[in-house]
Amino acid sequence: MIKLETFLIVSAILFSLGIYIIIARKNVIAILMGVELILNAASLNFVAFNKYSVPTSFSGQMFSVFIIVLAACEAVVAFAIVMSMYKNFKDINADSATTMKE
């Protein structure tokens, strides 16, 4: 049986990797992948705490499904932003988008 601490350690590693990617990368797609890692870490925490607190409840799984739907919506909006950024700046580097278009 896997302990709760193991889930929390894996979740902390995912969260730390997501934060590192967001801070270190300049590519917009890589930054979005870091955000997805953070959302996956939160989803893992919901499911793990649900499993070990109330095994007959499905509230943790419902929160995880909500996070997955939220991540899918975020990916669609982010893809539209990346395409618009590439159209206007001919680059997807986050530093190149420092000016507002009139």
PDB file of N, CA and C in Angstrom:
ATOM      1  N   MET A   1       0.847  -1.190   0.000  1.00  0.00           N
ATOM      2  CA  MET A   1       0.000   0.000   0.000  1.00  0.00           C
ATOM      3  C   MET A   1       0.886   1.245   0.000  1.00  0.00           C
ATOM      4  N   ILE A   2       0.597   2.147  -0.880  1.00  0.00           N
ATOM      5  CA  ILE A   2       1.365   3.388  -0.978  1.00  0.00           C
ATOM      6  C   ILE A   2       0.871   4.351   0.094  1.00  0.00           C
ATOM      7  N   LYS A   3       1.813   4.981   0.774  1.00  0.00           N
ATOM      8  CA  LYS A   3       1.461   5.914   1.844  1.00  0.00           C
ATOM      9  C   LYS A   3       1.110   7.288   1.286  1.00  0.00           C
ATOM     10  N   LEU A   4       0.416   8.071   2.092  1.00  0.00           N
ATOM     11  CA  LEU A   4       0.041   9.427   1.700  1.00  0.00           C
ATOM     12  C   LEU A   4       1.279  10.289   1.470  1.00  0.00           C
ATOM     13  N   GLU A   5       2.310  10.075   2.273  1.00  0.00           N
ATOM     14  CA  GLU A   5       3.532  10.870   2.133  1.00  0.00           C
ATOM     15  C   GLU A   5       4.174  10.697   0.756  1.00  0.00           C
ATOM     16  N   THR A   6       4.059   9.506   0.183  1.00  0.00           N
ATOM     17  CA  THR A   6       4.618   9.271  -1.149  1.00  0.00           C
ATOM     18  C   THR A   6       3.895  10.114  -2.189  1.00  0.00           C
ATOM     19  N   PHE A   7       2.573  10.153  -2.094  1.00  0.00           N
ATOM     20  CA  PHE A   7       1.808  11.000  -3.018  1.00  0.00           C
ATOM     21  C   PHE A   7       2.177  12.467  -2.854  1.00  0.00           C
ATOM     22  N   LEU A   8       2.347  12.896  -1.609  1.00  0.00           N
ATOM     23  CA  LEU A   8       2.679  14.296  -1.355  1.00  0.00           C
ATOM     24  C   LEU A   8       4.074  14.641  -1.860  1.00  0.00           C
ATOM     25  N   ILE A   9       5.016  13.700  -1.763  1.00  0.00           N
ATOM     26  CA  ILE A   9       6.363  13.950  -2.277  1.00  0.00           C
ATOM     27  C   ILE A   9       6.338  14.065  -3.792  1.00  0.00           C
ATOM     28  N   VAL A  10       5.634  13.170  -4.454  1.00  0.00           N
ATOM     29  CA  VAL A  10       5.518  13.238  -5.923  1.00  0.00           C
ATOM     30  C   VAL A  10       4.832  14.536  -6.338  1.00  0.00           C
ATOM     31  N   SER A  11       3.805  14.921  -5.612  1.00  0.00           N
ATOM     32  CA  SER A  11       3.104  16.166  -5.911  1.00  0.00           C
ATOM     33  C   SER A  11       4.009  17.377  -5.706  1.00  0.00           C
ATOM     34  N   ALA A  12       4.805  17.357  -4.651  1.00  0.00           N
ATOM     35  CA  ALA A  12       5.733  18.470  -4.407  1.00  0.00           C
ATOM     36  C   ALA A  12       6.793  18.551  -5.497  1.00  0.00           C
ATOM     37  N   ILE A  13       7.248  17.406  -5.977  1.00  0.00           N
ATOM     38  CA  ILE A  13       8.229  17.402  -7.070  1.00  0.00           C
ATOM     39  C   ILE A  13       7.607  17.977  -8.340  1.00  0.00           C
ATOM     40  N   LEU A  14       6.379  17.559  -8.659  1.00  0.00           N
ATOM     41  CA  LEU A  14       5.690  18.102  -9.841  1.00  0.00           C
ATOM     42  C   LEU A  14       5.498  19.609  -9.720  1.00  0.00           C
ATOM     43  N   PHE A  15       5.073  20.052  -8.544  1.00  0.00           N
ATOM     44  CA  PHE A  15       4.853  21.480  -8.332  1.00  0.00           C
ATOM     45  C   PHE A  15       6.163  22.257  -8.470  1.00  0.00           C
ATOM     46  N   SER A  16       7.240  21.734  -7.892  1.00  0.00           N
ATOM     47  CA  SER A  16       8.541  22.414  -7.973  1.00  0.00           C
ATOM     48  C   SER A  16       9.042  22.480  -9.406  1.00  0.00           C
ATOM     49  N   LEU A  17       8.876  21.394 -10.147  1.00  0.00           N
ATOM     50  CA  LEU A  17       9.279  21.418 -11.556  1.00  0.00           C
ATOM     51  C   LEU A  17       8.469  22.443 -12.345  1.00  0.00           C
ATOM     52  N   GLY A  18       7.173  22.530 -12.062  1.00  0.00           N
ATOM     53  CA  GLY A  18       6.331  23.512 -12.740  1.00  0.00           C
ATOM     54  C   GLY A  18       6.772  24.938 -12.448  1.00  0.00           C
ATOM     55  N   ILE A  19       7.074  25.229 -11.182  1.00  0.00           N
ATOM     56  CA  ILE A  19       7.544  26.570 -10.815  1.00  0.00           C
ATOM     57  C   ILE A  19       8.884  26.866 -11.482  1.00  0.00           C
ATOM     58  N   TYR A  20       9.779  25.880 -11.487  1.00  0.00           N
ATOM     59  CA  TYR A  20      11.091  26.082 -12.123  1.00  0.00           C
ATOM     60  C   TYR A  20      10.942  26.374 -13.612  1.00  0.00           C
ATOM     61  N   ILE A  21      10.069  25.631 -14.282  1.00  0.00           N
ATOM     62  CA  ILE A  21       9.868  25.846 -15.718  1.00  0.00           C
ATOM     63  C   ILE A  21       9.298  27.233 -15.979  1.00  0.00           C
ATOM     64  N   ILE A  22       8.347  27.658 -15.165  1.00  0.00           N
ATOM     65  CA  ILE A  22       7.755  28.984 -15.356  1.00  0.00           C
ATOM     66  C   ILE A  22       8.800  30.078 -15.174  1.00  0.00           C
ATOM     67  N   ILE A  23       9.669  29.927 -14.183  1.00  0.00           N
ATOM     68  CA  ILE A  23      10.679  30.951 -13.911  1.00  0.00           C
ATOM     69  C   ILE A  23      11.809  30.923 -14.927  1.00  0.00           C
ATOM     70  N   ALA A  24      12.263  29.732 -15.326  1.00  0.00           N
ATOM     71  CA  ALA A  24      13.482  29.613 -16.120  1.00  0.00           C
ATOM     72  C   ALA A  24      13.269  29.748 -17.622  1.00  0.00           C
ATOM     73  N   ARG A  25      12.128  29.386 -18.120  1.00  0.00           N
ATOM     74  CA  ARG A  25      11.918  29.364 -19.569  1.00  0.00           C
ATOM     75  C   ARG A  25      11.370  30.688 -20.084  1.00  0.00           C
ATOM     76  N   LYS A  26      11.691  30.977 -21.329  1.00  0.00           N
ATOM     77  CA  LYS A  26      11.168  32.175 -21.970  1.00  0.00           C
ATOM     78  C   LYS A  26      10.180  31.820 -23.079  1.00  0.00           C
ATOM     79  N   ASN A  27      10.144  30.564 -23.463  1.00  0.00           N
ATOM     80  CA  ASN A  27       9.230  30.110 -24.488  1.00  0.00           C
ATOM     81  C   ASN A  27       7.827  29.987 -23.886  1.00  0.00           C
ATOM     82  N   VAL A  28       6.843  30.539 -24.559  1.00  0.00           N
ATOM     83  CA  VAL A  28       5.486  30.565 -24.035  1.00  0.00           C
ATOM     84  C   VAL A  28       4.923  29.151 -23.885  1.00  0.00           C
ATOM     85  N   ILE A  29       5.232  28.271 -24.808  1.00  0.00           N
ATOM     86  CA  ILE A  29       4.722  26.912 -24.734  1.00  0.00           C
ATOM     87  C   ILE A  29       5.315  26.183 -23.529  1.00  0.00           C
ATOM     88  N   ALA A  30       6.584  26.392 -23.246  1.00  0.00           N
ATOM     89  CA  ALA A  30       7.206  25.777 -22.075  1.00  0.00           C
ATOM     90  C   ALA A  30       6.591  26.324 -20.782  1.00  0.00           C
ATOM     91  N   ILE A  31       6.287  27.603 -20.752  1.00  0.00           N
ATOM     92  CA  ILE A  31       5.646  28.199 -19.572  1.00  0.00           C
ATOM     93  C   ILE A  31       4.271  27.572 -19.353  1.00  0.00           C
ATOM     94  N   LEU A  32       3.536  27.347 -20.415  1.00  0.00           N
ATOM     95  CA  LEU A  32       2.221  26.712 -20.297  1.00  0.00           C
ATOM     96  C   LEU A  32       2.346  25.268 -19.818  1.00  0.00           C
ATOM     97  N   MET A  33       3.409  24.571 -20.219  1.00  0.00           N
ATOM     98  CA  MET A  33       3.625  23.217 -19.717  1.00  0.00           C
ATOM     99  C   MET A  33       3.934  23.237 -18.224  1.00  0.00           C
ATOM    100  N   GLY A  34       4.611  24.281 -17.756  1.00  0.00           N
ATOM    101  CA  GLY A  34       4.844  24.428 -16.321  1.00  0.00           C
ATOM    102  C   GLY A  34       3.547  24.634 -15.562  1.00  0.00           C
ATOM    103  N   VAL A  35       2.646  25.414 -16.119  1.00  0.00           N
ATOM    104  CA  VAL A  35       1.332  25.619 -15.491  1.00  0.00           C
ATOM    105  C   VAL A  35       0.568  24.301 -15.435  1.00  0.00           C
ATOM    106  N   GLU A  36       0.663  23.503 -16.485  1.00  0.00           N
ATOM    107  CA  GLU A  36      -0.010  22.197 -16.493  1.00  0.00           C
ATOM    108  C   GLU A  36       0.564  21.281 -15.417  1.00  0.00           C
ATOM    109  N   LEU A  37       1.876  21.321 -15.191  1.00  0.00           N
ATOM    110  CA  LEU A  37       2.469  20.518 -14.122  1.00  0.00           C
ATOM    111  C   LEU A  37       1.944  20.938 -12.752  1.00  0.00           C
ATOM    112  N   ILE A  38       1.785  22.224 -12.554  1.00  0.00           N
ATOM    113  CA  ILE A  38       1.242  22.709 -11.275  1.00  0.00           C
ATOM    114  C   ILE A  38      -0.197  22.241 -11.083  1.00  0.00           C
ATOM    115  N   LEU A  39      -0.990  22.288 -12.136  1.00  0.00           N
ATOM    116  CA  LEU A  39      -2.371  21.808 -12.046  1.00  0.00           C
ATOM    117  C   LEU A  39      -2.415  20.301 -11.779  1.00  0.00           C
ATOM    118  N   ASN A  40      -1.502  19.546 -12.389  1.00  0.00           N
ATOM    119  CA  ASN A  40      -1.456  18.103 -12.127  1.00  0.00           C
ATOM    120  C   ASN A  40      -1.054  17.810 -10.690  1.00  0.00           C
ATOM    121  N   ALA A  41      -0.165  18.613 -10.126  1.00  0.00           N
ATOM    122  CA  ALA A  41       0.221  18.430  -8.722  1.00  0.00           C
ATOM    123  C   ALA A  41      -0.971  18.676  -7.802  1.00  0.00           C
ATOM    124  N   ALA A  42      -1.742  19.698  -8.094  1.00  0.00           N
ATOM    125  CA  ALA A  42      -2.934  19.968  -7.281  1.00  0.00           C
ATOM    126  C   ALA A  42      -3.953  18.849  -7.413  1.00  0.00           C
ATOM    127  N   SER A  43      -4.128  18.334  -8.617  1.00  0.00           N
ATOM    128  CA  SER A  43      -5.063  17.242  -8.840  1.00  0.00           C
ATOM    129  C   SER A  43      -4.629  15.983  -8.092  1.00  0.00           C
ATOM    130  N   LEU A  44      -3.348  15.688  -8.094  1.00  0.00           N
ATOM    131  CA  LEU A  44      -2.828  14.537  -7.357  1.00  0.00           C
ATOM    132  C   LEU A  44      -3.070  14.688  -5.857  1.00  0.00           C
ATOM    133  N   ASN A  45      -2.907  15.901  -5.350  1.00  0.00           N
ATOM    134  CA  ASN A  45      -3.186  16.139  -3.928  1.00  0.00           C
ATOM    135  C   ASN A  45      -4.654  15.900  -3.603  1.00  0.00           C
ATOM    136  N   PHE A  46      -5.564  16.382  -4.437  1.00  0.00           N
ATOM    137  CA  PHE A  46      -6.997  16.174  -4.196  1.00  0.00           C
ATOM    138  C   PHE A  46      -7.338  14.691  -4.127  1.00  0.00           C
ATOM    139  N   VAL A  47      -6.831  13.927  -5.085  1.00  0.00           N
ATOM    140  CA  VAL A  47      -7.150  12.504  -5.121  1.00  0.00           C
ATOM    141  C   VAL A  47      -6.514  11.771  -3.939  1.00  0.00           C
ATOM    142  N   ALA A  48      -5.275  12.113  -3.601  1.00  0.00           N
ATOM    143  CA  ALA A  48      -4.596  11.434  -2.486  1.00  0.00           C
ATOM    144  C   ALA A  48      -5.284  11.725  -1.159  1.00  0.00           C
ATOM    145  N   PHE A  49      -5.611  12.985  -0.909  1.00  0.00           N
ATOM    146  CA  PHE A  49      -6.280  13.310   0.349  1.00  0.00           C
ATOM    147  C   PHE A  49      -7.674  12.693   0.411  1.00  0.00           C
ATOM    148  N   ASN A  50      -8.348  12.620  -0.722  1.00  0.00           N
ATOM    149  CA  ASN A  50      -9.657  11.984  -0.741  1.00  0.00           C
ATOM    150  C   ASN A  50      -9.548  10.492  -0.437  1.00  0.00           C
ATOM    151  N   LYS A  51      -8.528   9.839  -0.978  1.00  0.00           N
ATOM    152  CA  LYS A  51      -8.367   8.403  -0.764  1.00  0.00           C
ATOM    153  C   LYS A  51      -8.085   8.080   0.699  1.00  0.00           C
ATOM    154  N   TYR A  52      -7.289   8.915   1.351  1.00  0.00           N
ATOM    155  CA  TYR A  52      -6.898   8.608   2.719  1.00  0.00           C
ATOM    156  C   TYR A  52      -7.804   9.231   3.778  1.00  0.00           C
ATOM    157  N   SER A  53      -8.644  10.178   3.425  1.00  0.00           N
ATOM    158  CA  SER A  53      -9.530  10.769   4.433  1.00  0.00           C
ATOM    159  C   SER A  53     -10.900  10.095   4.442  1.00  0.00           C
ATOM    160  N   VAL A  54     -11.581  10.089   3.298  1.00  0.00           N
ATOM    161  CA  VAL A  54     -12.906   9.463   3.202  1.00  0.00           C
ATOM    162  C   VAL A  54     -12.899   8.568   1.968  1.00  0.00           C
ATOM    163  N   PRO A  55     -12.589   7.287   2.129  1.00  0.00           N
ATOM    164  CA  PRO A  55     -12.452   6.414   0.951  1.00  0.00           C
ATOM    165  C   PRO A  55     -13.742   6.208   0.162  1.00  0.00           C
ATOM    166  N   THR A  56     -14.906   6.408   0.786  1.00  0.00           N
ATOM    167  CA  THR A  56     -16.157   6.173   0.061  1.00  0.00           C
ATOM    168  C   THR A  56     -16.652   7.406  -0.686  1.00  0.00           C
ATOM    169  N   SER A  57     -16.023   8.549  -0.473  1.00  0.00           N
ATOM    170  CA  SER A  57     -16.446   9.787  -1.128  1.00  0.00           C
ATOM    171  C   SER A  57     -15.708   9.958  -2.452  1.00  0.00           C
ATOM    172  N   PHE A  58     -16.334  10.646  -3.372  1.00  0.00           N
ATOM    173  CA  PHE A  58     -15.725  10.913  -4.671  1.00  0.00           C
ATOM    174  C   PHE A  58     -15.440  12.399  -4.875  1.00  0.00           C
ATOM    175  N   SER A  59     -15.364  13.161  -3.794  1.00  0.00           N
ATOM    176  CA  SER A  59     -15.169  14.607  -3.948  1.00  0.00           C
ATOM    177  C   SER A  59     -13.789  14.935  -4.514  1.00  0.00           C
ATOM    178  N   GLY A  60     -12.765  14.195  -4.137  1.00  0.00           N
ATOM    179  CA  GLY A  60     -11.428  14.432  -4.682  1.00  0.00           C
ATOM    180  C   GLY A  60     -11.371  14.166  -6.168  1.00  0.00           C
ATOM    181  N   GLN A  61     -12.035  13.100  -6.606  1.00  0.00           N
ATOM    182  CA  GLN A  61     -12.073  12.801  -8.032  1.00  0.00           C
ATOM    183  C   GLN A  61     -12.860  13.858  -8.794  1.00  0.00           C
ATOM    184  N   MET A  62     -13.908  14.383  -8.189  1.00  0.00           N
ATOM    185  CA  MET A  62     -14.687  15.423  -8.856  1.00  0.00           C
ATOM    186  C   MET A  62     -13.862  16.699  -9.010  1.00  0.00           C
ATOM    187  N   PHE A  63     -13.090  17.047  -7.974  1.00  0.00           N
ATOM    188  CA  PHE A  63     -12.203  18.197  -8.091  1.00  0.00           C
ATOM    189  C   PHE A  63     -11.159  17.958  -9.173  1.00  0.00           C
ATOM    190  N   SER A  64     -10.661  16.733  -9.275  1.00  0.00           N
ATOM    191  CA  SER A  64      -9.668  16.426 -10.305  1.00  0.00           C
ATOM    192  C   SER A  64     -10.259  16.543 -11.703  1.00  0.00           C
ATOM    193  N   VAL A  65     -11.481  16.078 -11.881  1.00  0.00           N
ATOM    194  CA  VAL A  65     -12.141  16.226 -13.184  1.00  0.00           C
ATOM    195  C   VAL A  65     -12.331  17.708 -13.507  1.00  0.00           C
ATOM    196  N   PHE A  66     -12.707  18.490 -12.506  1.00  0.00           N
ATOM    197  CA  PHE A  66     -12.844  19.929 -12.717  1.00  0.00           C
ATOM    198  C   PHE A  66     -11.500  20.548 -13.121  1.00  0.00           C
ATOM    199  N   ILE A  67     -10.417  20.128 -12.487  1.00  0.00           N
ATOM    200  CA  ILE A  67      -9.092  20.648 -12.836  1.00  0.00           C
ATOM    201  C   ILE A  67      -8.710  20.244 -14.257  1.00  0.00           C
ATOM    202  N   ILE A  68      -9.045  19.024 -14.664  1.00  0.00           N
ATOM    203  CA  ILE A  68      -8.744  18.582 -16.025  1.00  0.00           C
ATOM    204  C   ILE A  68      -9.520  19.405 -17.047  1.00  0.00           C
ATOM    205  N   VAL A  69     -10.787  19.671 -16.767  1.00  0.00           N
ATOM    206  CA  VAL A  69     -11.593  20.512 -17.667  1.00  0.00           C
ATOM    207  C   VAL A  69     -11.033  21.932 -17.716  1.00  0.00           C
ATOM    208  N   LEU A  70     -10.648  22.454 -16.558  1.00  0.00           N
ATOM    209  CA  LEU A  70     -10.044  23.783 -16.499  1.00  0.00           C
ATOM    210  C   LEU A  70      -8.743  23.828 -17.290  1.00  0.00           C
ATOM    211  N   ALA A  71      -7.930  22.788 -17.189  1.00  0.00           N
ATOM    212  CA  ALA A  71      -6.666  22.732 -17.929  1.00  0.00           C
ATOM    213  C   ALA A  71      -6.920  22.660 -19.434  1.00  0.00           C
ATOM    214  N   ALA A  72      -7.961  21.947 -19.851  1.00  0.00           N
ATOM    215  CA  ALA A  72      -8.282  21.877 -21.280  1.00  0.00           C
ATOM    216  C   ALA A  72      -8.713  23.241 -21.799  1.00  0.00           C
ATOM    217  N   CYS A  73      -9.534  23.936 -21.026  1.00  0.00           N
ATOM    218  CA  CYS A  73      -9.947  25.292 -21.428  1.00  0.00           C
ATOM    219  C   CYS A  73      -8.754  26.237 -21.463  1.00  0.00           C
ATOM    220  N   GLU A  74      -7.883  26.109 -20.486  1.00  0.00           N
ATOM    221  CA  GLU A  74      -6.686  26.953 -20.436  1.00  0.00           C
ATOM    222  C   GLU A  74      -5.788  26.675 -21.634  1.00  0.00           C
ATOM    223  N   ALA A  75      -5.687  25.419 -22.046  1.00  0.00           N
ATOM    224  CA  ALA A  75      -4.850  25.071 -23.193  1.00  0.00           C
ATOM    225  C   ALA A  75      -5.398  25.679 -24.482  1.00  0.00           C
ATOM    226  N   VAL A  76      -6.711  25.696 -24.634  1.00  0.00           N
ATOM    227  CA  VAL A  76      -7.316  26.278 -25.840  1.00  0.00           C
ATOM    228  C   VAL A  76      -7.079  27.786 -25.885  1.00  0.00           C
ATOM    229  N   VAL A  77      -7.306  28.456 -24.769  1.00  0.00           N
ATOM    230  CA  VAL A  77      -7.086  29.908 -24.716  1.00  0.00           C
ATOM    231  C   VAL A  77      -5.601  30.224 -24.909  1.00  0.00           C
ATOM    232  N   ALA A  78      -4.733  29.437 -24.292  1.00  0.00           N
ATOM    233  CA  ALA A  78      -3.299  29.668 -24.433  1.00  0.00           C
ATOM    234  C   ALA A  78      -2.845  29.444 -25.877  1.00  0.00           C
ATOM    235  N   PHE A  79      -3.400  28.441 -26.550  1.00  0.00           N
ATOM    236  CA  PHE A  79      -3.054  28.207 -27.944  1.00  0.00           C
ATOM    237  C   PHE A  79      -3.458  29.397 -28.807  1.00  0.00           C
ATOM    238  N   ALA A  80      -4.616  29.974 -28.530  1.00  0.00           N
ATOM    239  CA  ALA A  80      -5.049  31.156 -29.275  1.00  0.00           C
ATOM    240  C   ALA A  80      -4.112  32.338 -29.009  1.00  0.00           C
ATOM    241  N   ILE A  81      -3.668  32.486 -27.781  1.00  0.00           N
ATOM    242  CA  ILE A  81      -2.735  33.571 -27.455  1.00  0.00           C
ATOM    243  C   ILE A  81      -1.397  33.355 -28.145  1.00  0.00           C
ATOM    244  N   VAL A  82      -0.908  32.127 -28.141  1.00  0.00           N
ATOM    245  CA  VAL A  82       0.374  31.827 -28.798  1.00  0.00           C
ATOM    246  C   VAL A  82       0.273  32.083 -30.294  1.00  0.00           C
ATOM    247  N   MET A  83      -0.825  31.677 -30.923  1.00  0.00           N
ATOM    248  CA  MET A  83      -0.989  31.922 -32.360  1.00  0.00           C
ATOM    249  C   MET A  83      -1.062  33.414 -32.664  1.00  0.00           C
ATOM    250  N   SER A  84      -1.764  34.157 -31.830  1.00  0.00           N
ATOM    251  CA  SER A  84      -1.835  35.606 -32.011  1.00  0.00           C
ATOM    252  C   SER A  84      -0.477  36.255 -31.802  1.00  0.00           C
ATOM    253  N   MET A  85       0.252  35.774 -30.827  1.00  0.00           N
ATOM    254  CA  MET A  85       1.595  36.302 -30.569  1.00  0.00           C
ATOM    255  C   MET A  85       2.531  36.009 -31.735  1.00  0.00           C
ATOM    256  N   TYR A  86       2.448  34.803 -32.284  1.00  0.00           N
ATOM    257  CA  TYR A  86       3.290  34.475 -33.423  1.00  0.00           C
ATOM    258  C   TYR A  86       2.910  35.305 -34.642  1.00  0.00           C
ATOM    259  N   LYS A  87       1.627  35.555 -34.800  1.00  0.00           N
ATOM    260  CA  LYS A  87       1.158  36.369 -35.939  1.00  0.00           C
ATOM    261  C   LYS A  87       1.674  37.803 -35.838  1.00  0.00           C
ATOM    262  N   ASN A  88       1.681  38.362 -34.623  1.00  0.00           N
ATOM    263  CA  ASN A  88       2.074  39.759 -34.459  1.00  0.00           C
ATOM    264  C   ASN A  88       3.576  39.959 -34.333  1.00  0.00           C
ATOM    265  N   PHE A  89       4.272  39.049 -33.635  1.00  0.00           N
ATOM    266  CA  PHE A  89       5.695  39.254 -33.343  1.00  0.00           C
ATOM    267  C   PHE A  89       6.612  38.310 -34.104  1.00  0.00           C
ATOM    268  N   LYS A  90       6.075  37.319 -34.807  1.00  0.00           N
ATOM    269  CA  LYS A  90       6.843  36.301 -35.527  1.00  0.00           C
ATOM    270  C   LYS A  90       7.792  35.548 -34.607  1.00  0.00           C
ATOM    271  N   ASP A  91       7.404  35.417 -33.328  1.00  0.00           N
ATOM    272  CA  ASP A  91       8.215  34.725 -32.339  1.00  0.00           C
ATOM    273  C   ASP A  91       7.297  34.338 -31.175  1.00  0.00           C
ATOM    274  N   ILE A  92       7.632  33.256 -30.478  1.00  0.00           N
ATOM    275  CA  ILE A  92       6.838  32.880 -29.304  1.00  0.00           C
ATOM    276  C   ILE A  92       7.657  33.021 -28.035  1.00  0.00           C
ATOM    277  N   ASN A  93       8.669  33.859 -28.071  1.00  0.00           N
ATOM    278  CA  ASN A  93       9.460  34.161 -26.886  1.00  0.00           C
ATOM    279  C   ASN A  93       8.675  35.154 -26.038  1.00  0.00           C
ATOM    280  N   ALA A  94       8.542  34.873 -24.742  1.00  0.00           N
ATOM    281  CA  ALA A  94       7.744  35.718 -23.871  1.00  0.00           C
ATOM    282  C   ALA A  94       8.328  37.124 -23.720  1.00  0.00           C
ATOM    283  N   ASP A  95       9.635  37.265 -23.872  1.00  0.00           N
ATOM    284  CA  ASP A  95      10.254  38.589 -23.748  1.00  0.00           C
ATOM    285  C   ASP A  95       9.960  39.486 -24.937  1.00  0.00           C
ATOM    286  N   SER A  96       9.616  38.899 -26.087  1.00  0.00           N
ATOM    287  CA  SER A  96       9.362  39.734 -27.259  1.00  0.00           C
ATOM    288  C   SER A  96       7.989  40.393 -27.214  1.00  0.00           C
ATOM    289  N   ALA A  97       7.137  39.969 -26.339  1.00  0.00           N
ATOM    290  CA  ALA A  97       5.786  40.520 -26.250  1.00  0.00           C
ATOM    291  C   ALA A  97       5.715  41.564 -25.141  1.00  0.00           C
ATOM    292  N   THR A  98       6.576  42.536 -25.177  1.00  0.00           N
ATOM    293  CA  THR A  98       6.587  43.561 -24.128  1.00  0.00           C
ATOM    294  C   THR A  98       5.828  44.807 -24.523  1.00  0.00           C
ATOM    295  N   THR A  99       5.454  44.933 -25.780  1.00  0.00           N
ATOM    296  CA  THR A  99       4.734  46.123 -26.227  1.00  0.00           C
ATOM    297  C   THR A  99       3.281  45.783 -26.508  1.00  0.00           C
ATOM    298  N   MET A 100       2.414  46.751 -26.282  1.00  0.00           N
ATOM    299  CA  MET A 100       1.008  46.572 -26.592  1.00  0.00           C
ATOM    300  C   MET A 100       0.753  47.041 -28.024  1.00  0.00           C
ATOM    301  N   LYS A 101       0.014  46.270 -28.739  1.00  0.00           N
ATOM    302  CA  LYS A 101      -0.336  46.632 -30.112  1.00  0.00           C
ATOM    303  C   LYS A 101      -1.505  47.601 -30.085  1.00  0.00           C
ATOM    304  N   GLU A 102      -1.473  48.600 -30.905  1.00  0.00           N
ATOM    305  CA  GLU A 102      -2.536  49.615 -30.935  1.00  0.00           C
ATOM    306  C   GLU A 102      -3.682  49.201 -31.824  1.00  0.00           C
TER     307      GLU A 102
END
